[in-house]
C-alpha atoms as a PDB file:
ATOM      1  CA  MET A   1      66.934 -98.307  11.278  1.00  0.00           C
ATOM      2  CA  LYS A   2      70.158-100.446  10.958  1.00  0.00           C
ATOM      3  CA  LYS A   3      72.356 -97.461  12.021  1.00  0.00           C
ATOM      4  CA  LEU A   4      70.180 -96.924  15.140  1.00  0.00           C
ATOM      5  CA  ILE A   5      70.520-100.713  16.069  1.00  0.00           C
ATOM      6  CA  ILE A   6      74.223-100.508  15.609  1.00  0.00           C
ATOM      7  CA  ALA A   7      74.430 -97.486  17.733  1.00  0.00           C
ATOM      8  CA  VAL A   8      72.425 -99.106  20.612  1.00  0.00           C
ATOM      9  CA  VAL A   9      74.498-102.086  20.399  1.00  0.00           C
ATOM     10  CA  ILE A  10      77.761 -99.962  20.679  1.00  0.00           C
ATOM     11  CA  ALA A  11      76.261 -98.116  23.531  1.00  0.00           C
ATOM     12  CA  ILE A  12      75.309-101.349  25.485  1.00  0.00           C
ATOM     13  CA  LEU A  13      78.763-102.811  24.939  1.00  0.00           C
ATOM     14  CA  GLY A  14      80.367 -99.395  26.059  1.00  0.00           C
ATOM     15  CA  LEU A  15      78.297 -99.552  29.167  1.00  0.00           C
ATOM     16  CA  ILE A  16      79.100-103.087  29.981  1.00  0.00           C
ATOM     17  CA  TRP A  17      82.631-102.261  29.666  1.00  0.00           C
ATOM     18  CA  MET A  18      82.488 -99.227  31.957  1.00  0.00           C
ATOM     19  CA  LEU A  19      80.729-101.248  34.480  1.00  0.00           C
ATOM     20  CA  TYR A  20      83.420-104.068  34.258  1.00  0.00           C
ATOM     21  CA  MET A  21      86.286-101.459  34.554  1.00  0.00           C
ATOM     22  CA  LEU A  22      84.402 -99.944  37.510  1.00  0.00           C
ATOM     23  CA  ALA A  23      84.001-103.226  39.221  1.00  0.00           C
ATOM     24  CA  THR A  24      87.688-104.149  38.458  1.00  0.00           C
ATOM     25  CA  LEU A  25      88.945-101.058  39.922  1.00  0.00           C
ATOM     26  CA  SER A  26      86.968-101.041  43.074  1.00  0.00           C
ATOM     27  CA  ILE A  27      88.141-104.399  44.296  1.00  0.00           C
ATOM     28  CA  LYS A  28      90.241-103.962  47.199  1.00  0.00           C
ATOM     29  CA  THR A  29      92.968-106.210  47.322  1.00  0.00           C
ATOM     30  CA  GLN A  30      94.166-108.111  50.740  1.00  0.00           C
ATOM     31  CA  HIS A  31      97.611-108.363  51.585  1.00  0.00           C
ATOM     32  CA  THR A  32      98.081-110.954  54.195  1.00  0.00           C
ATOM     33  CA  SER A  33     101.878-110.696  54.617  1.00  0.00           C
ATOM     34  CA  ALA A  34     103.315-108.383  57.463  1.00  0.00           C
ATOM     35  CA  THR A  35     105.900-106.556  55.642  1.00  0.00           C
ATOM     36  CA  ASP A  36     106.904-102.980  55.548  1.00  0.00           C
ATOM     37  CA  TYR A  37     105.662-102.674  51.989  1.00  0.00           C
ATOM     38  CA  TYR A  38     102.190-103.121  52.973  1.00  0.00           C
ATOM     39  CA  ASN A  39     101.829-101.978  56.454  1.00  0.00           C
ATOM     40  CA  ASN A  40     102.995 -98.518  57.599  1.00  0.00           C
ATOM     41  CA  GLY A  41     103.108 -99.637  61.243  1.00  0.00           C
ATOM     42  CA  VAL A  42     105.689-102.374  60.443  1.00  0.00           C
ATOM     43  CA  SER A  43     107.653-100.030  58.265  1.00  0.00           C
ATOM     44  CA  GLU A  44     107.908 -97.660  61.252  1.00  0.00           C
ATOM     45  CA  GLN A  45     108.973-100.280  63.693  1.00  0.00           C
ATOM     46  CA  ILE A  46     111.623-101.537  61.215  1.00  0.00           C
ATOM     47  CA  SER A  47     112.876 -97.939  60.976  1.00  0.00           C
ATOM     48  CA  ALA A  48     113.137 -97.281  64.529  1.00  0.00           C
ATOM     49  CA  GLU A  49     115.055-100.721  64.966  1.00  0.00           C
ATOM     50  CA  TRP A  50     117.521 -99.539  62.343  1.00  0.00           C
ATOM     51  CA  GLU A  51     117.813 -96.049  63.782  1.00  0.00           C
ATOM     52  CA  ALA A  52     118.487 -97.489  67.468  1.00  0.00           C
ATOM     53  CA  LYS A  53     121.148 -99.800  65.889  1.00  0.00           C
ATOM     54  CA  ALA A  54     122.783 -97.223  63.851  1.00  0.00           C
ATOM     55  CA  LYS A  55     123.071 -94.766  66.936  1.00  0.00           C
ATOM     56  CA  ALA A  56     124.221 -97.523  69.148  1.00  0.00           C
ATOM     57  CA  GLU A  57     126.987 -98.330  66.807  1.00  0.00           C
ATOM     58  CA  TRP A  58     127.884 -94.572  66.286  1.00  0.00           C
ATOM     59  CA  VAL A  59     128.187 -94.129  70.227  1.00  0.00           C
ATOM     60  CA  SER A  60     130.310 -97.333  70.496  1.00  0.00           C
ATOM     61  CA  GLU A  61     132.783 -96.006  67.813  1.00  0.00           C
ATOM     62  CA  PHE A  62     132.780 -92.398  68.248  1.00  0.00           C
ATOM     63  CA  GLY A  63     131.163 -91.653  71.634  1.00  0.00           C
ATOM     64  CA  ASP A  64     128.043 -89.764  72.461  1.00  0.00           C
ATOM     65  CA  ALA A  65     129.156 -86.412  70.783  1.00  0.00           C
ATOM     66  CA  PRO A  66     131.681 -85.104  68.397  1.00  0.00           C
ATOM     67  CA  PRO A  67     134.997 -83.695  69.953  1.00  0.00           C
ATOM     68  CA  ASN A  68     135.215 -79.961  70.503  1.00  0.00           C
ATOM     69  CA  LEU A  69     137.569 -78.433  67.701  1.00  0.00           C
ATOM     70  CA  SER A  70     140.835 -77.199  68.687  1.00  0.00           C
ATOM     71  CA  VAL A  71     141.417 -73.360  68.227  1.00  0.00           C
ATOM     72  CA  GLU A  72     143.572 -74.238  65.117  1.00  0.00           C
ATOM     73  CA  ALA A  73     141.119 -76.210  63.426  1.00  0.00           C
ATOM     74  CA  GLN A  74     138.382 -73.807  64.004  1.00  0.00           C
ATOM     75  CA  GLU A  75     140.536 -70.865  62.689  1.00  0.00           C
ATOM     76  CA  TYR A  76     141.531 -72.832  59.729  1.00  0.00           C
ATOM     77  CA  LEU A  77     137.684 -73.704  59.004  1.00  0.00           C
ATOM     78  CA  GLU A  78     136.710 -70.090  59.422  1.00  0.00           C
ATOM     79  CA  LYS A  79     139.240 -69.173  56.990  1.00  0.00           C
ATOM     80  CA  GLN A  80     138.310 -71.708  54.545  1.00  0.00           C
ATOM     81  CA  THR A  81     134.639 -70.775  54.863  1.00  0.00           C
ATOM     82  CA  VAL A  82     135.420 -67.055  53.945  1.00  0.00           C
ATOM     83  CA  ARG A  83     137.636 -67.957  51.105  1.00  0.00           C
ATOM     84  CA  LYS A  84     134.968 -70.415  49.703  1.00  0.00           C
ATOM     85  CA  GLN A  85     132.191 -68.148  50.118  1.00  0.00           C
ATOM     86  CA  ALA A  86     134.324 -65.256  48.323  1.00  0.00           C
ATOM     87  CA  GLU A  87     134.788 -67.849  45.345  1.00  0.00           C
ATOM     88  CA  LEU A  88     131.098 -68.490  45.223  1.00  0.00           C
ATOM     89  CA  ASN A  89     130.183 -64.763  45.309  1.00  0.00           C
ATOM     90  CA  GLN A  90     132.622 -64.178  42.440  1.00  0.00           C
ATOM     91  CA  ARG A  91     131.339 -66.827  40.357  1.00  0.00           C
ATOM     92  CA  LYS A  92     127.697 -65.709  41.035  1.00  0.00           C
ATOM     93  CA  GLY A  93     128.659 -62.190  40.017  1.00  0.00           C
ATOM     94  CA  LYS A  94     130.258 -63.543  36.747  1.00  0.00           C
ATOM     95  CA  GLU A  95     127.311 -65.368  35.894  1.00  0.00           C
ATOM     96  CA  ASN A  96     124.861 -62.519  36.669  1.00  0.00           C
ATOM     97  CA  GLY A  97     127.045 -59.769  35.227  1.00  0.00           C
END
């Protein structure tokens, strides 16, 4: 009989604990501050403002688009790309082989 009473008391305490945890976890917190941490709309607005500022700064410093490459620069970059690709292919062959 004593074991039964102890088991019932433990079960009741467990039930109370579970109800308390359920109530604690289900409470919705109210965030009244309008920061980007709690408000996705504000976050998107801040991001759009920063992007517009960055774009305006880029245009003022470098112009609207990057300049075209000279023929010499393009040939140099193509040669470097071929050389680097051959180097990477050689390394990959050594690792796999």
